[in-house]
Amino acid sequence: MAGKYQEFLAELCEHHVSGQLKVAPEHVSRQVIDAMQKSGRESFLKFLDAFQRENKRLGKEQYLVPYLMCSHPGSSLQDAIELAEFLRDIGYHPEQVQEFIPTPGSLSAAMYYTAFIHSLESDFCPKTIEQRQTQRALLQYVIPKIAGWLRRRLKVPDALI
């Protein structure tokens, strides 16, 4: 999205997308994307808008498929809720969500194993099965089986999920 991307986007949408384009916003919580050292919600929304406008101009029906990650070091329950609300607000209900797995040699793995997150005041790192399952479930709350599990886990009345 830096610089003059319109010509690139036109070429991409017209000749190189076969209906769906996978993009990697990964998360939208400022705390988590700072830990990941990624751009954020604003960049994703800007790209989404430009992508939709370009496809409308071309008369094409093409979609963005966001690659999302839960349970990254620094991601609290509140951060997972923020991502779930963002997905709800843009009308996207992911079938697939990547749970963070520490990859040897990566900064994120170092944060996971040391519980030190360079950009945060809190060094929270979801490690228990319950913490990780809850974060994942929040992103897929529209799937009936997951919604039921999430209601029981969070002790939330049926009407709220």
C-alpha atoms as a PDB file:
ATOM      1  CA  MET A   1       0.000   0.000   0.000  1.00  0.00           C
ATOM      2  CA  ALA A   2       3.045   2.237   0.106  1.00  0.00           C
ATOM      3  CA  GLY A   3       3.616   4.508  -2.847  1.00  0.00           C
ATOM      4  CA  LYS A   4       1.757   4.301  -6.144  1.00  0.00           C
ATOM      5  CA  TYR A   5       0.002   0.965  -5.960  1.00  0.00           C
ATOM      6  CA  GLN A   6      -3.028   1.643  -8.166  1.00  0.00           C
ATOM      7  CA  GLU A   7      -1.385   0.394 -11.369  1.00  0.00           C
ATOM      8  CA  PHE A   8      -0.186  -2.753  -9.581  1.00  0.00           C
ATOM      9  CA  LEU A   9      -3.622  -3.344  -8.077  1.00  0.00           C
ATOM     10  CA  ALA A  10      -5.312  -2.959 -11.471  1.00  0.00           C
ATOM     11  CA  GLU A  11      -2.937  -5.539 -12.995  1.00  0.00           C
ATOM     12  CA  LEU A  12      -3.379  -7.863 -10.031  1.00  0.00           C
ATOM     13  CA  CYS A  13      -7.191  -7.748 -10.088  1.00  0.00           C
ATOM     14  CA  GLU A  14      -7.506  -7.964 -13.856  1.00  0.00           C
ATOM     15  CA  HIS A  15      -5.038 -10.756 -14.608  1.00  0.00           C
ATOM     16  CA  HIS A  16      -3.825 -12.535 -11.476  1.00  0.00           C
ATOM     17  CA  VAL A  17      -6.753 -13.185  -9.121  1.00  0.00           C
ATOM     18  CA  SER A  18      -8.940 -16.201  -9.825  1.00  0.00           C
ATOM     19  CA  GLY A  19     -11.827 -15.194  -7.577  1.00  0.00           C
ATOM     20  CA  GLN A  20     -10.168 -15.055  -4.176  1.00  0.00           C
ATOM     21  CA  LEU A  21      -7.026 -13.303  -3.014  1.00  0.00           C
ATOM     22  CA  LYS A  22      -5.499 -14.350   0.274  1.00  0.00           C
ATOM     23  CA  VAL A  23      -4.041 -11.532   2.328  1.00  0.00           C
ATOM     24  CA  ALA A  24      -2.403 -11.603   5.739  1.00  0.00           C
ATOM     25  CA  PRO A  25      -3.674  -8.977   8.136  1.00  0.00           C
ATOM     26  CA  GLU A  26      -3.260 -11.717  10.806  1.00  0.00           C
ATOM     27  CA  HIS A  27      -4.732  -9.540  13.557  1.00  0.00           C
ATOM     28  CA  VAL A  28      -6.158  -6.072  14.172  1.00  0.00           C
ATOM     29  CA  SER A  29      -5.396  -5.406  17.832  1.00  0.00           C
ATOM     30  CA  ARG A  30      -2.707  -2.739  18.051  1.00  0.00           C
ATOM     31  CA  GLN A  31      -1.014  -4.638  20.872  1.00  0.00           C
ATOM     32  CA  VAL A  32      -0.776  -7.872  18.877  1.00  0.00           C
ATOM     33  CA  ILE A  33       0.251  -6.355  15.555  1.00  0.00           C
ATOM     34  CA  ASP A  34       2.935  -4.336  17.335  1.00  0.00           C
ATOM     35  CA  ALA A  35       4.275  -7.587  18.784  1.00  0.00           C
ATOM     36  CA  MET A  36       4.119  -9.157  15.291  1.00  0.00           C
ATOM     37  CA  GLN A  37       5.747  -6.071  13.785  1.00  0.00           C
ATOM     38  CA  LYS A  38       3.038  -5.896  11.123  1.00  0.00           C
ATOM     39  CA  SER A  39       0.961  -3.110   9.654  1.00  0.00           C
ATOM     40  CA  GLY A  40      -2.495  -2.943  11.099  1.00  0.00           C
ATOM     41  CA  ARG A  41      -6.191  -2.638  10.686  1.00  0.00           C
ATOM     42  CA  GLU A  42      -5.910   0.643   8.790  1.00  0.00           C
ATOM     43  CA  SER A  43      -3.704  -0.869   6.071  1.00  0.00           C
ATOM     44  CA  PHE A  44      -6.007  -3.853   5.673  1.00  0.00           C
ATOM     45  CA  LEU A  45      -9.121  -1.668   5.433  1.00  0.00           C
ATOM     46  CA  LYS A  46      -7.410   0.620   2.931  1.00  0.00           C
ATOM     47  CA  PHE A  47      -6.425  -2.365   0.788  1.00  0.00           C
ATOM     48  CA  LEU A  48      -9.886  -3.941   1.112  1.00  0.00           C
ATOM     49  CA  ASP A  49     -11.504  -0.714  -0.065  1.00  0.00           C
ATOM     50  CA  ALA A  50      -9.085  -0.310  -2.987  1.00  0.00           C
ATOM     51  CA  PHE A  51      -9.500  -3.986  -3.966  1.00  0.00           C
ATOM     52  CA  GLN A  52     -13.298  -3.716  -3.953  1.00  0.00           C
ATOM     53  CA  ARG A  53     -13.273  -0.459  -5.945  1.00  0.00           C
ATOM     54  CA  GLU A  54     -10.898  -1.904  -8.550  1.00  0.00           C
ATOM     55  CA  ASN A  55     -12.983  -5.045  -8.987  1.00  0.00           C
ATOM     56  CA  LYS A  56     -16.135  -2.971  -9.317  1.00  0.00           C
ATOM     57  CA  ARG A  57     -14.410  -0.890 -12.002  1.00  0.00           C
ATOM     58  CA  LEU A  58     -13.418  -4.108 -13.799  1.00  0.00           C
ATOM     59  CA  GLY A  59     -16.881  -5.636 -13.387  1.00  0.00           C
ATOM     60  CA  LYS A  60     -15.395  -8.630 -11.551  1.00  0.00           C
ATOM     61  CA  GLU A  61     -16.679 -10.474  -8.520  1.00  0.00           C
ATOM     62  CA  GLN A  62     -13.563 -11.264  -6.492  1.00  0.00           C
ATOM     63  CA  TYR A  63     -13.001 -11.555  -2.771  1.00  0.00           C
ATOM     64  CA  LEU A  64     -10.293 -11.080  -0.188  1.00  0.00           C
ATOM     65  CA  VAL A  65      -9.672 -14.007   2.146  1.00  0.00           C
ATOM     66  CA  PRO A  66      -7.926 -12.776   5.283  1.00  0.00           C
ATOM     67  CA  TYR A  67      -5.319 -15.044   6.852  1.00  0.00           C
ATOM     68  CA  LEU A  68      -5.901 -14.746  10.600  1.00  0.00           C
ATOM     69  CA  MET A  69      -3.906 -15.862  13.603  1.00  0.00           C
ATOM     70  CA  CYS A  70      -4.982 -16.456  17.162  1.00  0.00           C
ATOM     71  CA  SER A  71      -2.978 -17.050  20.337  1.00  0.00           C
ATOM     72  CA  HIS A  72       0.084 -15.081  19.216  1.00  0.00           C
ATOM     73  CA  PRO A  73       2.288 -13.926  22.115  1.00  0.00           C
ATOM     74  CA  GLY A  74       0.730 -10.761  23.510  1.00  0.00           C
ATOM     75  CA  SER A  75      -2.799 -11.705  22.451  1.00  0.00           C
ATOM     76  CA  SER A  76      -5.167 -11.476  25.405  1.00  0.00           C
ATOM     77  CA  LEU A  77      -8.774 -12.571  25.514  1.00  0.00           C
ATOM     78  CA  GLN A  78      -9.738  -8.924  24.936  1.00  0.00           C
ATOM     79  CA  ASP A  79      -7.536  -8.815  21.812  1.00  0.00           C
ATOM     80  CA  ALA A  80      -9.259 -11.945  20.473  1.00  0.00           C
ATOM     81  CA  ILE A  81     -12.637 -10.334  21.147  1.00  0.00           C
ATOM     82  CA  GLU A  82     -11.499  -7.197  19.294  1.00  0.00           C
ATOM     83  CA  LEU A  83     -10.531  -9.306  16.265  1.00  0.00           C
ATOM     84  CA  ALA A  84     -13.836 -11.220  16.418  1.00  0.00           C
ATOM     85  CA  GLU A  85     -15.796  -7.945  16.526  1.00  0.00           C
ATOM     86  CA  PHE A  86     -13.792  -6.592  13.590  1.00  0.00           C
ATOM     87  CA  LEU A  87     -14.563  -9.711  11.541  1.00  0.00           C
ATOM     88  CA  ARG A  88     -18.242  -9.421  12.457  1.00  0.00           C
ATOM     89  CA  ASP A  89     -18.250  -5.758  11.433  1.00  0.00           C
ATOM     90  CA  ILE A  90     -16.758  -6.473   7.985  1.00  0.00           C
ATOM     91  CA  GLY A  91     -19.074  -9.462   7.523  1.00  0.00           C
ATOM     92  CA  TYR A  92     -16.350 -12.103   7.346  1.00  0.00           C
ATOM     93  CA  HIS A  93     -16.760 -15.480   9.056  1.00  0.00           C
ATOM     94  CA  PRO A  94     -13.553 -17.492   8.685  1.00  0.00           C
ATOM     95  CA  GLU A  95     -13.667 -21.218   8.116  1.00  0.00           C
ATOM     96  CA  GLN A  96      -9.956 -21.449   8.823  1.00  0.00           C
ATOM     97  CA  VAL A  97      -7.896 -19.758  11.537  1.00  0.00           C
ATOM     98  CA  GLN A  98      -4.218 -20.318  12.175  1.00  0.00           C
ATOM     99  CA  GLU A  99      -3.301 -20.993  15.794  1.00  0.00           C
ATOM    100  CA  PHE A 100       0.113 -19.621  16.619  1.00  0.00           C
ATOM    101  CA  ILE A 101       2.805 -22.308  16.600  1.00  0.00           C
ATOM    102  CA  PRO A 102       6.301 -21.211  17.616  1.00  0.00           C
ATOM    103  CA  THR A 103       8.567 -21.538  14.579  1.00  0.00           C
ATOM    104  CA  PRO A 104      12.234 -22.073  15.492  1.00  0.00           C
ATOM    105  CA  GLY A 105      14.373 -19.013  14.917  1.00  0.00           C
ATOM    106  CA  SER A 106      11.505 -16.528  14.760  1.00  0.00           C
ATOM    107  CA  LEU A 107      11.042 -13.497  16.960  1.00  0.00           C
ATOM    108  CA  SER A 108       7.543 -14.709  17.826  1.00  0.00           C
ATOM    109  CA  ALA A 109       8.941 -18.045  19.049  1.00  0.00           C
ATOM    110  CA  ALA A 110      11.425 -16.199  21.238  1.00  0.00           C
ATOM    111  CA  MET A 111       8.541 -14.187  22.700  1.00  0.00           C
ATOM    112  CA  TYR A 112       6.579 -17.390  23.291  1.00  0.00           C
ATOM    113  CA  TYR A 113       9.389 -19.233  25.074  1.00  0.00           C
ATOM    114  CA  THR A 114      10.771 -16.306  27.084  1.00  0.00           C
ATOM    115  CA  ALA A 115       7.407 -14.650  27.819  1.00  0.00           C
ATOM    116  CA  PHE A 116       9.085 -11.348  26.944  1.00  0.00           C
ATOM    117  CA  ILE A 117       7.280  -9.239  24.390  1.00  0.00           C
ATOM    118  CA  HIS A 118       9.399  -6.267  23.377  1.00  0.00           C
ATOM    119  CA  SER A 119       6.562  -3.892  22.514  1.00  0.00           C
ATOM    120  CA  LEU A 120       4.207  -4.566  25.411  1.00  0.00           C
ATOM    121  CA  GLU A 121       3.874  -3.656  29.043  1.00  0.00           C
ATOM    122  CA  SER A 122       2.149  -6.992  29.699  1.00  0.00           C
ATOM    123  CA  ASP A 123       3.947 -10.160  28.693  1.00  0.00           C
ATOM    124  CA  PHE A 124       0.791 -12.287  28.450  1.00  0.00           C
ATOM    125  CA  CYS A 125       1.187 -15.291  26.211  1.00  0.00           C
ATOM    126  CA  PRO A 126      -1.706 -17.737  25.685  1.00  0.00           C
ATOM    127  CA  LYS A 127      -0.252 -21.179  26.313  1.00  0.00           C
ATOM    128  CA  THR A 128      -2.927 -23.340  27.921  1.00  0.00           C
ATOM    129  CA  ILE A 129      -5.258 -25.382  25.766  1.00  0.00           C
ATOM    130  CA  GLU A 130      -8.237 -23.486  27.190  1.00  0.00           C
ATOM    131  CA  GLN A 131      -6.744 -20.075  26.385  1.00  0.00           C
ATOM    132  CA  ARG A 132      -5.853 -21.122  22.844  1.00  0.00           C
ATOM    133  CA  GLN A 133      -9.185 -22.853  22.156  1.00  0.00           C
ATOM    134  CA  THR A 134     -11.116 -19.847  23.448  1.00  0.00           C
ATOM    135  CA  GLN A 135      -9.226 -17.417  21.218  1.00  0.00           C
ATOM    136  CA  ARG A 136      -9.796 -19.630  18.190  1.00  0.00           C
ATOM    137  CA  ALA A 137     -13.480 -20.143  19.034  1.00  0.00           C
ATOM    138  CA  LEU A 138     -14.046 -16.391  19.262  1.00  0.00           C
ATOM    139  CA  LEU A 139     -13.012 -16.040  15.618  1.00  0.00           C
ATOM    140  CA  GLN A 140     -15.347 -18.833  14.503  1.00  0.00           C
ATOM    141  CA  TYR A 141     -18.300 -18.115  16.779  1.00  0.00           C
ATOM    142  CA  VAL A 142     -20.859 -18.432  13.957  1.00  0.00           C
ATOM    143  CA  ILE A 143     -20.231 -22.166  13.589  1.00  0.00           C
ATOM    144  CA  PRO A 144     -23.014 -23.686  15.731  1.00  0.00           C
ATOM    145  CA  LYS A 145     -20.866 -26.352  17.418  1.00  0.00           C
ATOM    146  CA  ILE A 146     -18.221 -23.755  18.298  1.00  0.00           C
ATOM    147  CA  ALA A 147     -20.812 -21.205  19.453  1.00  0.00           C
ATOM    148  CA  GLY A 148     -22.237 -23.715  21.918  1.00  0.00           C
ATOM    149  CA  TRP A 149     -18.797 -24.580  23.270  1.00  0.00           C
ATOM    150  CA  LEU A 150     -17.939 -20.878  23.561  1.00  0.00           C
ATOM    151  CA  ARG A 151     -21.178 -20.107  25.447  1.00  0.00           C
ATOM    152  CA  ARG A 152     -20.389 -22.806  27.985  1.00  0.00           C
ATOM    153  CA  ARG A 153     -16.733 -21.774  28.267  1.00  0.00           C
ATOM    154  CA  LEU A 154     -17.491 -18.090  28.827  1.00  0.00           C
ATOM    155  CA  LYS A 155     -20.757 -18.752  30.687  1.00  0.00           C
ATOM    156  CA  VAL A 156     -22.619 -16.437  28.300  1.00  0.00           C
ATOM    157  CA  PRO A 157     -26.412 -16.573  27.743  1.00  0.00           C
ATOM    158  CA  ASP A 158     -27.460 -18.048  24.375  1.00  0.00           C
ATOM    159  CA  ALA A 159     -28.849 -14.703  23.178  1.00  0.00           C
ATOM    160  CA  LEU A 160     -25.417 -13.037  23.239  1.00  0.00           C
ATOM    161  CA  ILE A 161     -23.588 -15.437  20.908  1.00  0.00           C
END
